[in-house]
Amino acid sequence: TENWKPAGVGGASSRGWGVVTDQPRVVDGLVATFRADAGWRDAVPW
């Protein structure tokens, strides 16, 4: 639920929840989501 910042995943402020899983279908689904989002033309190189 937390942002990639000290206040979030760094544990310096916010109450957040999270989970790590190695279930293949879930991992593959997240990979597909990333590729779909990073591969569209609104994902501009930095």
All heavy atoms as atom14 arrays in JSON, in Angstrom:
{
  "sequence": "TENWKPAGVGGASSRGWGVVTDQPRVVDGLVATFRADAGWRDAVPW",
  "atom14_mask": [
    [1, 1, 1, 1, 1, 1, 1, 0, 0, 0, 0, 0, 0, 0],
    [1, 1, 1, 1, 1, 1, 1, 1, 1, 0, 0, 0, 0, 0],
    [1, 1, 1, 1, 1, 1, 1, 1, 0, 0, 0, 0, 0, 0],
    [1, 1, 1, 1, 1, 1, 1, 1, 1, 1, 1, 1, 1, 1],
    [1, 1, 1, 1, 1, 1, 1, 1, 1, 0, 0, 0, 0, 0],
    [1, 1, 1, 1, 1, 1, 1, 0, 0, 0, 0, 0, 0, 0],
    [1, 1, 1, 1, 1, 0, 0, 0, 0, 0, 0, 0, 0, 0],
    [1, 1, 1, 1, 0, 0, 0, 0, 0, 0, 0, 0, 0, 0],
    [1, 1, 1, 1, 1, 1, 1, 0, 0, 0, 0, 0, 0, 0],
    [1, 1, 1, 1, 0, 0, 0, 0, 0, 0, 0, 0, 0, 0],
    [1, 1, 1, 1, 0, 0, 0, 0, 0, 0, 0, 0, 0, 0],
    [1, 1, 1, 1, 1, 0, 0, 0, 0, 0, 0, 0, 0, 0],
    [1, 1, 1, 1, 1, 1, 0, 0, 0, 0, 0, 0, 0, 0],
    [1, 1, 1, 1, 1, 1, 0, 0, 0, 0, 0, 0, 0, 0],
    [1, 1, 1, 1, 1, 1, 1, 1, 1, 1, 1, 0, 0, 0],
    [1, 1, 1, 1, 0, 0, 0, 0, 0, 0, 0, 0, 0, 0],
    [1, 1, 1, 1, 1, 1, 1, 1, 1, 1, 1, 1, 1, 1],
    [1, 1, 1, 1, 0, 0, 0, 0, 0, 0, 0, 0, 0, 0],
    [1, 1, 1, 1, 1, 1, 1, 0, 0, 0, 0, 0, 0, 0],
    [1, 1, 1, 1, 1, 1, 1, 0, 0, 0, 0, 0, 0, 0],
    [1, 1, 1, 1, 1, 1, 1, 0, 0, 0, 0, 0, 0, 0],
    [1, 1, 1, 1, 1, 1, 1, 1, 0, 0, 0, 0, 0, 0],
    [1, 1, 1, 1, 1, 1, 1, 1, 1, 0, 0, 0, 0, 0],
    [1, 1, 1, 1, 1, 1, 1, 0, 0, 0, 0, 0, 0, 0],
    [1, 1, 1, 1, 1, 1, 1, 1, 1, 1, 1, 0, 0, 0],
    [1, 1, 1, 1, 1, 1, 1, 0, 0, 0, 0, 0, 0, 0],
    [1, 1, 1, 1, 1, 1, 1, 0, 0, 0, 0, 0, 0, 0],
    [1, 1, 1, 1, 1, 1, 1, 1, 0, 0, 0, 0, 0, 0],
    [1, 1, 1, 1, 0, 0, 0, 0, 0, 0, 0, 0, 0, 0],
    [1, 1, 1, 1, 1, 1, 1, 1, 0, 0, 0, 0, 0, 0],
    [1, 1, 1, 1, 1, 1, 1, 0, 0, 0, 0, 0, 0, 0],
    [1, 1, 1, 1, 1, 0, 0, 0, 0, 0, 0, 0, 0, 0],
    [1, 1, 1, 1, 1, 1, 1, 0, 0, 0, 0, 0, 0, 0],
    [1, 1, 1, 1, 1, 1, 1, 1, 1, 1, 1, 0, 0, 0],
    [1, 1, 1, 1, 1, 1, 1, 1, 1, 1, 1, 0, 0, 0],
    [1, 1, 1, 1, 1, 0, 0, 0, 0, 0, 0, 0, 0, 0],
    [1, 1, 1, 1, 1, 1, 1, 1, 0, 0, 0, 0, 0, 0],
    [1, 1, 1, 1, 1, 0, 0, 0, 0, 0, 0, 0, 0, 0],
    [1, 1, 1, 1, 0, 0, 0, 0, 0, 0, 0, 0, 0, 0],
    [1, 1, 1, 1, 1, 1, 1, 1, 1, 1, 1, 1, 1, 1],
    [1, 1, 1, 1, 1, 1, 1, 1, 1, 1, 1, 0, 0, 0],
    [1, 1, 1, 1, 1, 1, 1, 1, 0, 0, 0, 0, 0, 0],
    [1, 1, 1, 1, 1, 0, 0, 0, 0, 0, 0, 0, 0, 0],
    [1, 1, 1, 1, 1, 1, 1, 0, 0, 0, 0, 0, 0, 0],
    [1, 1, 1, 1, 1, 1, 1, 0, 0, 0, 0, 0, 0, 0],
    [1, 1, 1, 1, 1, 1, 1, 1, 1, 1, 1, 1, 1, 1]
  ],
  "atom14_positions": [
    [[0.82, -1.21, 0.0], [0.0, 0.0, 0.0], [0.85, 1.25, 0.0], [0.32, 2.36, -0.11], [-0.91, 0.02, 1.24], [-0.1, 0.13, 2.43], [-1.75, -1.23, 1.33], [0.0, 0.0, 0.0], [0.0, 0.0, 0.0], [0.0, 0.0, 0.0], [0.0, 0.0, 0.0], [0.0, 0.0, 0.0], [0.0, 0.0, 0.0], [0.0, 0.0, 0.0]],
    [[2.18, 1.11, 0.13], [3.05, 2.25, 0.41], [3.93, 2.64, -0.76], [4.34, 1.81, -1.56], [3.92, 1.95, 1.63], [3.11, 1.67, 2.88], [2.0, 2.68, 3.1], [2.32, 3.87, 3.32], [0.82, 2.3, 3.03], [0.0, 0.0, 0.0], [0.0, 0.0, 0.0], [0.0, 0.0, 0.0], [0.0, 0.0, 0.0], [0.0, 0.0, 0.0]],
    [[4.26, 3.92, -0.81], [5.12, 4.46, -1.84], [6.58, 4.09, -1.59], [6.98, 3.8, -0.46], [4.98, 5.98, -1.9], [3.61, 6.4, -2.4], [3.19, 6.01, -3.48], [2.9, 7.19, -1.61], [0.0, 0.0, 0.0], [0.0, 0.0, 0.0], [0.0, 0.0, 0.0], [0.0, 0.0, 0.0], [0.0, 0.0, 0.0], [0.0, 0.0, 0.0]],
    [[7.38, 4.15, -2.64], [8.79, 3.82, -2.56], [9.57, 5.03, -2.05], [10.29, 5.69, -2.8], [9.3, 3.36, -3.93], [8.67, 2.07, -4.36], [7.54, 1.91, -5.09], [9.14, 0.76, -4.05], [7.27, 0.57, -5.27], [8.24, -0.16, -4.65], [10.24, 0.26, -3.34], [8.41, -1.53, -4.54], [10.4, -1.12, -3.24], [9.5, -2.0, -3.83]],
    [[9.39, 5.31, -0.78], [10.01, 6.47, -0.15], [10.24, 6.18, 1.32], [9.67, 5.21, 1.86], [9.12, 7.69, -0.35], [7.72, 7.55, 0.21], [6.83, 8.71, -0.21], [7.41, 10.03, 0.22], [6.54, 11.16, -0.17], [0.0, 0.0, 0.0], [0.0, 0.0, 0.0], [0.0, 0.0, 0.0], [0.0, 0.0, 0.0], [0.0, 0.0, 0.0]],
    [[11.04, 6.96, 2.01], [11.3, 6.69, 3.43], [10.02, 6.62, 4.26], [9.9, 5.76, 5.14], [12.19, 7.87, 3.85], [12.91, 8.24, 2.6], [11.91, 8.05, 1.49], [0.0, 0.0, 0.0], [0.0, 0.0, 0.0], [0.0, 0.0, 0.0], [0.0, 0.0, 0.0], [0.0, 0.0, 0.0], [0.0, 0.0, 0.0], [0.0, 0.0, 0.0]],
    [[9.07, 7.5, 3.99], [7.82, 7.5, 4.76], [7.01, 6.24, 4.53], [6.22, 5.85, 5.4], [6.98, 8.72, 4.39], [0.0, 0.0, 0.0], [0.0, 0.0, 0.0], [0.0, 0.0, 0.0], [0.0, 0.0, 0.0], [0.0, 0.0, 0.0], [0.0, 0.0, 0.0], [0.0, 0.0, 0.0], [0.0, 0.0, 0.0], [0.0, 0.0, 0.0]],
    [[7.2, 5.6, 3.38], [6.43, 4.42, 3.03], [7.17, 3.13, 3.28], [7.23, 2.64, 4.41], [0.0, 0.0, 0.0], [0.0, 0.0, 0.0], [0.0, 0.0, 0.0], [0.0, 0.0, 0.0], [0.0, 0.0, 0.0], [0.0, 0.0, 0.0], [0.0, 0.0, 0.0], [0.0, 0.0, 0.0], [0.0, 0.0, 0.0], [0.0, 0.0, 0.0]],
    [[7.77, 2.58, 2.22], [8.45, 1.28, 2.38], [9.66, 1.37, 3.3], [10.14, 0.35, 3.81], [8.88, 0.71, 1.01], [7.67, 0.48, 0.12], [9.89, 1.62, 0.32], [0.0, 0.0, 0.0], [0.0, 0.0, 0.0], [0.0, 0.0, 0.0], [0.0, 0.0, 0.0], [0.0, 0.0, 0.0], [0.0, 0.0, 0.0], [0.0, 0.0, 0.0]],
    [[10.16, 2.58, 3.53], [11.3, 2.74, 4.42], [10.96, 2.67, 5.89], [11.88, 2.62, 6.73], [0.0, 0.0, 0.0], [0.0, 0.0, 0.0], [0.0, 0.0, 0.0], [0.0, 0.0, 0.0], [0.0, 0.0, 0.0], [0.0, 0.0, 0.0], [0.0, 0.0, 0.0], [0.0, 0.0, 0.0], [0.0, 0.0, 0.0], [0.0, 0.0, 0.0]],
    [[9.67, 2.69, 6.23], [9.27, 2.54, 7.63], [9.49, 3.76, 8.49], [9.56, 3.64, 9.71], [0.0, 0.0, 0.0], [0.0, 0.0, 0.0], [0.0, 0.0, 0.0], [0.0, 0.0, 0.0], [0.0, 0.0, 0.0], [0.0, 0.0, 0.0], [0.0, 0.0, 0.0], [0.0, 0.0, 0.0], [0.0, 0.0, 0.0], [0.0, 0.0, 0.0]],
    [[9.56, 4.95, 7.88], [9.85, 6.16, 8.66], [8.61, 6.97, 9.0], [8.73, 8.06, 9.56], [10.83, 7.05, 7.9], [0.0, 0.0, 0.0], [0.0, 0.0, 0.0], [0.0, 0.0, 0.0], [0.0, 0.0, 0.0], [0.0, 0.0, 0.0], [0.0, 0.0, 0.0], [0.0, 0.0, 0.0], [0.0, 0.0, 0.0], [0.0, 0.0, 0.0]],
    [[7.4, 6.45, 8.68], [6.22, 7.26, 8.98], [4.92, 6.45, 8.99], [4.27, 6.34, 10.02], [6.1, 8.42, 7.98], [4.91, 9.14, 8.17], [0.0, 0.0, 0.0], [0.0, 0.0, 0.0], [0.0, 0.0, 0.0], [0.0, 0.0, 0.0], [0.0, 0.0, 0.0], [0.0, 0.0, 0.0], [0.0, 0.0, 0.0], [0.0, 0.0, 0.0]],
    [[4.52, 5.92, 7.85], [3.14, 5.5, 7.63], [2.85, 4.07, 8.04], [3.7, 3.18, 7.92], [2.78, 5.67, 6.15], [2.94, 7.0, 5.73], [0.0, 0.0, 0.0], [0.0, 0.0, 0.0], [0.0, 0.0, 0.0], [0.0, 0.0, 0.0], [0.0, 0.0, 0.0], [0.0, 0.0, 0.0], [0.0, 0.0, 0.0], [0.0, 0.0, 0.0]],
    [[1.62, 3.87, 8.5], [1.1, 2.52, 8.65], [0.71, 2.02, 7.27], [-0.09, 2.64, 6.57], [-0.11, 2.49, 9.57], [-0.91, 1.19, 9.51], [-0.09, -0.02, 10.03], [-0.12, -0.14, 11.46], [0.89, -0.57, 12.2], [2.04, -0.91, 11.61], [0.79, -0.66, 13.51], [0.0, 0.0, 0.0], [0.0, 0.0, 0.0], [0.0, 0.0, 0.0]],
    [[1.31, 0.92, 6.87], [0.99, 0.31, 5.59], [0.99, -1.2, 5.7], [1.51, -1.78, 6.66], [0.0, 0.0, 0.0], [0.0, 0.0, 0.0], [0.0, 0.0, 0.0], [0.0, 0.0, 0.0], [0.0, 0.0, 0.0], [0.0, 0.0, 0.0], [0.0, 0.0, 0.0], [0.0, 0.0, 0.0], [0.0, 0.0, 0.0], [0.0, 0.0, 0.0]],
    [[0.42, -1.86, 4.71], [0.38, -3.31, 4.64], [1.07, -3.76, 3.36], [1.14, -3.01, 2.38], [-1.06, -3.83, 4.61], [-1.88, -3.57, 5.85], [-1.53, -2.83, 6.94], [-3.21, -4.03, 6.08], [-2.55, -2.81, 7.85], [-3.6, -3.54, 7.36], [-4.11, -4.8, 5.38], [-4.85, -3.81, 7.91], [-5.36, -5.08, 5.91], [-5.72, -4.58, 7.19]],
    [[1.6, -4.99, 3.37], [2.24, -5.52, 2.18], [2.36, -7.02, 2.23], [2.14, -7.66, 3.26], [0.0, 0.0, 0.0], [0.0, 0.0, 0.0], [0.0, 0.0, 0.0], [0.0, 0.0, 0.0], [0.0, 0.0, 0.0], [0.0, 0.0, 0.0], [0.0, 0.0, 0.0], [0.0, 0.0, 0.0], [0.0, 0.0, 0.0], [0.0, 0.0, 0.0]],
    [[2.74, -7.6, 1.09], [2.89, -9.04, 0.99], [3.91, -9.36, -0.1], [4.03, -8.62, -1.09], [1.53, -9.71, 0.67], [1.04, -9.33, -0.72], [1.61, -11.22, 0.81], [0.0, 0.0, 0.0], [0.0, 0.0, 0.0], [0.0, 0.0, 0.0], [0.0, 0.0, 0.0], [0.0, 0.0, 0.0], [0.0, 0.0, 0.0], [0.0, 0.0, 0.0]],
    [[4.65, -10.42, 0.09], [5.57, -10.95, -0.93], [5.11, -12.37, -1.25], [4.88, -13.18, -0.34], [7.02, -10.98, -0.43], [7.94, -11.54, -1.53], [7.48, -9.58, -0.03], [0.0, 0.0, 0.0], [0.0, 0.0, 0.0], [0.0, 0.0, 0.0], [0.0, 0.0, 0.0], [0.0, 0.0, 0.0], [0.0, 0.0, 0.0], [0.0, 0.0, 0.0]],
    [[4.96, -12.66, -2.55], [4.49, -13.98, -2.97], [5.33, -14.49, -4.13], [5.85, -13.7, -4.93], [3.01, -13.93, -3.4], [2.61, -15.23, -3.85], [2.79, -12.94, -4.53], [0.0, 0.0, 0.0], [0.0, 0.0, 0.0], [0.0, 0.0, 0.0], [0.0, 0.0, 0.0], [0.0, 0.0, 0.0], [0.0, 0.0, 0.0], [0.0, 0.0, 0.0]],
    [[5.47, -15.8, -4.21], [6.15, -16.42, -5.35], [5.2, -17.3, -6.15], [5.63, -18.16, -6.92], [7.36, -17.22, -4.9], [7.01, -18.38, -3.97], [5.81, -18.57, -3.66], [7.94, -19.11, -3.54], [0.0, 0.0, 0.0], [0.0, 0.0, 0.0], [0.0, 0.0, 0.0], [0.0, 0.0, 0.0], [0.0, 0.0, 0.0], [0.0, 0.0, 0.0]],
    [[3.9, -17.11, -6.0], [2.93, -17.88, -6.77], [3.06, -17.51, -8.25], [2.87, -16.35, -8.63], [1.52, -17.61, -6.26], [1.33, -18.08, -4.82], [0.1, -17.5, -4.16], [-0.46, -16.52, -4.61], [-0.33, -18.12, -3.07], [0.0, 0.0, 0.0], [0.0, 0.0, 0.0], [0.0, 0.0, 0.0], [0.0, 0.0, 0.0], [0.0, 0.0, 0.0]],
    [[3.4, -18.47, -9.11], [3.76, -18.15, -10.49], [2.71, -17.35, -11.26], [3.04, -16.41, -11.98], [3.99, -19.53, -11.12], [4.38, -20.4, -9.97], [3.58, -19.91, -8.81], [0.0, 0.0, 0.0], [0.0, 0.0, 0.0], [0.0, 0.0, 0.0], [0.0, 0.0, 0.0], [0.0, 0.0, 0.0], [0.0, 0.0, 0.0], [0.0, 0.0, 0.0]],
    [[1.45, -17.72, -11.13], [0.42, -17.01, -11.9], [0.3, -15.55, -11.46], [0.09, -14.66, -12.29], [-0.93, -17.72, -11.77], [-1.02, -19.03, -12.56], [-2.39, -19.67, -12.43], [-3.46, -18.77, -12.83], [-3.85, -18.56, -14.07], [-3.24, -19.19, -15.06], [-4.84, -17.73, -14.34], [0.0, 0.0, 0.0], [0.0, 0.0, 0.0], [0.0, 0.0, 0.0]],
    [[0.43, -15.3, -10.18], [0.35, -13.93, -9.68], [1.56, -13.13, -10.16], [1.42, -11.99, -10.62], [0.26, -13.92, -8.14], [0.29, -12.49, -7.61], [-1.02, -14.62, -7.69], [0.0, 0.0, 0.0], [0.0, 0.0, 0.0], [0.0, 0.0, 0.0], [0.0, 0.0, 0.0], [0.0, 0.0, 0.0], [0.0, 0.0, 0.0], [0.0, 0.0, 0.0]],
    [[2.74, -13.73, -10.06], [3.95, -13.05, -10.53], [3.84, -12.75, -12.02], [4.12, -11.63, -12.48], [5.2, -13.89, -10.22], [6.45, -13.23, -10.81], [5.37, -14.07, -8.71], [0.0, 0.0, 0.0], [0.0, 0.0, 0.0], [0.0, 0.0, 0.0], [0.0, 0.0, 0.0], [0.0, 0.0, 0.0], [0.0, 0.0, 0.0], [0.0, 0.0, 0.0]],
    [[3.43, -13.75, -12.8], [3.31, -13.56, -14.24], [2.27, -12.49, -14.57], [2.45, -11.71, -15.52], [2.92, -14.87, -14.92], [4.04, -15.9, -14.91], [5.19, -15.53, -14.6], [3.75, -17.08, -15.19], [0.0, 0.0, 0.0], [0.0, 0.0, 0.0], [0.0, 0.0, 0.0], [0.0, 0.0, 0.0], [0.0, 0.0, 0.0], [0.0, 0.0, 0.0]],
    [[1.19, -12.44, -13.82], [0.17, -11.42, -14.04], [0.7, -10.03, -13.78], [0.37, -9.07, -14.5], [0.0, 0.0, 0.0], [0.0, 0.0, 0.0], [0.0, 0.0, 0.0], [0.0, 0.0, 0.0], [0.0, 0.0, 0.0], [0.0, 0.0, 0.0], [0.0, 0.0, 0.0], [0.0, 0.0, 0.0], [0.0, 0.0, 0.0], [0.0, 0.0, 0.0]],
    [[1.54, -9.88, -12.77], [2.12, -8.58, -12.47], [3.16, -8.19, -13.52], [3.26, -7.02, -13.92], [2.75, -8.61, -11.08], [2.86, -7.28, -10.33], [1.56, -6.49, -10.37], [3.29, -7.52, -8.9], [0.0, 0.0, 0.0], [0.0, 0.0, 0.0], [0.0, 0.0, 0.0], [0.0, 0.0, 0.0], [0.0, 0.0, 0.0], [0.0, 0.0, 0.0]],
    [[3.91, -9.17, -14.0], [4.86, -8.91, -15.08], [4.12, -8.42, -16.32], [4.53, -7.46, -16.99], [5.68, -10.17, -15.4], [6.49, -9.98, -16.69], [6.62, -10.5, -14.24], [0.0, 0.0, 0.0], [0.0, 0.0, 0.0], [0.0, 0.0, 0.0], [0.0, 0.0, 0.0], [0.0, 0.0, 0.0], [0.0, 0.0, 0.0], [0.0, 0.0, 0.0]],
    [[3.01, -9.07, -16.65], [2.22, -8.67, -17.82], [1.68, -7.27, -17.66], [1.64, -6.48, -18.63], [1.08, -9.67, -18.05], [0.0, 0.0, 0.0], [0.0, 0.0, 0.0], [0.0, 0.0, 0.0], [0.0, 0.0, 0.0], [0.0, 0.0, 0.0], [0.0, 0.0, 0.0], [0.0, 0.0, 0.0], [0.0, 0.0, 0.0], [0.0, 0.0, 0.0]],
    [[1.26, -6.91, -16.45], [0.76, -5.56, -16.19], [1.88, -4.54, -16.39], [1.68, -3.49, -17.02], [0.19, -5.47, -14.78], [-0.9, -6.38, -14.65], [-0.3, -4.06, -14.48], [0.0, 0.0, 0.0], [0.0, 0.0, 0.0], [0.0, 0.0, 0.0], [0.0, 0.0, 0.0], [0.0, 0.0, 0.0], [0.0, 0.0, 0.0], [0.0, 0.0, 0.0]],
    [[3.07, -4.83, -15.84], [4.19, -3.9, -16.0], [4.53, -3.71, -17.47], [4.71, -2.58, -17.94], [5.41, -4.43, -15.24], [6.59, -3.49, -15.31], [6.81, -2.55, -14.32], [7.48, -3.55, -16.38], [7.89, -1.68, -14.39], [8.56, -2.68, -16.46], [8.76, -1.74, -15.47], [0.0, 0.0, 0.0], [0.0, 0.0, 0.0], [0.0, 0.0, 0.0]],
    [[4.61, -4.81, -18.21], [4.99, -4.7, -19.61], [3.95, -3.92, -20.41], [4.29, -3.14, -21.31], [5.19, -6.1, -20.19], [6.45, -6.79, -19.67], [6.56, -8.21, -20.16], [7.83, -8.81, -19.74], [8.1, -10.1, -19.81], [7.19, -10.95, -20.3], [9.27, -10.57, -19.4], [0.0, 0.0, 0.0], [0.0, 0.0, 0.0], [0.0, 0.0, 0.0]],
    [[2.67, -4.12, -20.1], [1.63, -3.38, -20.79], [1.73, -1.89, -20.5], [1.51, -1.05, -21.39], [0.26, -3.9, -20.38], [0.0, 0.0, 0.0], [0.0, 0.0, 0.0], [0.0, 0.0, 0.0], [0.0, 0.0, 0.0], [0.0, 0.0, 0.0], [0.0, 0.0, 0.0], [0.0, 0.0, 0.0], [0.0, 0.0, 0.0], [0.0, 0.0, 0.0]],
    [[2.07, -1.53, -19.28], [2.15, -0.12, -18.91], [3.45, 0.53, -19.38], [3.46, 1.69, -19.82], [1.99, 0.03, -17.39], [0.59, -0.32, -16.92], [-0.32, -0.39, -17.77], [0.41, -0.54, -15.71], [0.0, 0.0, 0.0], [0.0, 0.0, 0.0], [0.0, 0.0, 0.0], [0.0, 0.0, 0.0], [0.0, 0.0, 0.0], [0.0, 0.0, 0.0]],
    [[4.56, -0.19, -19.26], [5.84, 0.36, -19.69], [5.97, 0.37, -21.21], [6.78, 1.13, -21.75], [6.99, -0.44, -19.08], [0.0, 0.0, 0.0], [0.0, 0.0, 0.0], [0.0, 0.0, 0.0], [0.0, 0.0, 0.0], [0.0, 0.0, 0.0], [0.0, 0.0, 0.0], [0.0, 0.0, 0.0], [0.0, 0.0, 0.0], [0.0, 0.0, 0.0]],
    [[5.17, -0.43, -21.9], [5.29, -0.54, -23.34], [4.39, 0.39, -24.12], [4.52, 0.49, -25.35], [0.0, 0.0, 0.0], [0.0, 0.0, 0.0], [0.0, 0.0, 0.0], [0.0, 0.0, 0.0], [0.0, 0.0, 0.0], [0.0, 0.0, 0.0], [0.0, 0.0, 0.0], [0.0, 0.0, 0.0], [0.0, 0.0, 0.0], [0.0, 0.0, 0.0]],
    [[3.47, 1.07, -23.46], [2.57, 1.98, -24.18], [3.26, 3.34, -24.36], [4.21, 3.68, -23.66], [1.26, 2.12, -23.41], [0.24, 3.02, -24.07], [-0.25, 4.18, -23.6], [-0.41, 2.79, -25.33], [-1.17, 4.7, -24.46], [-1.29, 3.87, -25.54], [-0.32, 1.78, -26.28], [-2.08, 3.98, -26.68], [-1.11, 1.9, -27.42], [-1.98, 2.98, -27.62]],
    [[2.76, 4.15, -25.29], [3.46, 5.38, -25.66], [3.35, 6.48, -24.6], [4.01, 7.51, -24.74], [2.94, 5.88, -27.01], [1.44, 6.1, -27.08], [1.01, 6.16, -28.55], [-0.43, 6.23, -28.68], [-1.1, 7.34, -28.93], [-0.47, 8.47, -29.07], [-2.42, 7.31, -29.04], [0.0, 0.0, 0.0], [0.0, 0.0, 0.0], [0.0, 0.0, 0.0]],
    [[2.55, 6.29, -23.53], [2.54, 7.28, -22.46], [3.65, 7.04, -21.43], [3.81, 7.83, -20.5], [1.18, 7.33, -21.77], [0.78, 6.01, -21.13], [1.48, 5.0, -21.34], [-0.25, 5.99, -20.43], [0.0, 0.0, 0.0], [0.0, 0.0, 0.0], [0.0, 0.0, 0.0], [0.0, 0.0, 0.0], [0.0, 0.0, 0.0], [0.0, 0.0, 0.0]],
    [[4.42, 5.96, -21.59], [5.56, 5.68, -20.71], [6.8, 6.25, -21.4], [7.4, 5.61, -22.27], [5.7, 4.19, -20.45], [0.0, 0.0, 0.0], [0.0, 0.0, 0.0], [0.0, 0.0, 0.0], [0.0, 0.0, 0.0], [0.0, 0.0, 0.0], [0.0, 0.0, 0.0], [0.0, 0.0, 0.0], [0.0, 0.0, 0.0], [0.0, 0.0, 0.0]],
    [[7.19, 7.45, -20.99], [8.23, 8.21, -21.69], [9.58, 7.98, -21.02], [9.69, 8.09, -19.79], [7.88, 9.71, -21.67], [8.92, 10.52, -22.44], [6.48, 9.94, -22.23], [0.0, 0.0, 0.0], [0.0, 0.0, 0.0], [0.0, 0.0, 0.0], [0.0, 0.0, 0.0], [0.0, 0.0, 0.0], [0.0, 0.0, 0.0], [0.0, 0.0, 0.0]],
    [[10.62, 7.68, -21.8], [11.95, 7.54, -21.21], [12.33, 8.77, -20.4], [12.06, 9.91, -20.8], [12.86, 7.37, -22.43], [11.97, 6.76, -23.47], [10.62, 7.39, -23.24], [0.0, 0.0, 0.0], [0.0, 0.0, 0.0], [0.0, 0.0, 0.0], [0.0, 0.0, 0.0], [0.0, 0.0, 0.0], [0.0, 0.0, 0.0], [0.0, 0.0, 0.0]],
    [[12.96, 8.53, -19.25], [13.22, 9.6, -18.3], [14.04, 10.74, -18.91], [13.79, 11.91, -18.62], [13.89, 9.06, -17.05], [14.27, 10.13, -16.07], [15.52, 10.53, -15.72], [13.36, 10.95, -15.33], [15.46, 11.55, -14.81], [14.14, 11.83, -14.55], [11.98, 11.03, -15.25], [13.58, 12.78, -13.7], [11.41, 11.98, -14.42], [12.2, 12.84, -13.65]]
  ]
}
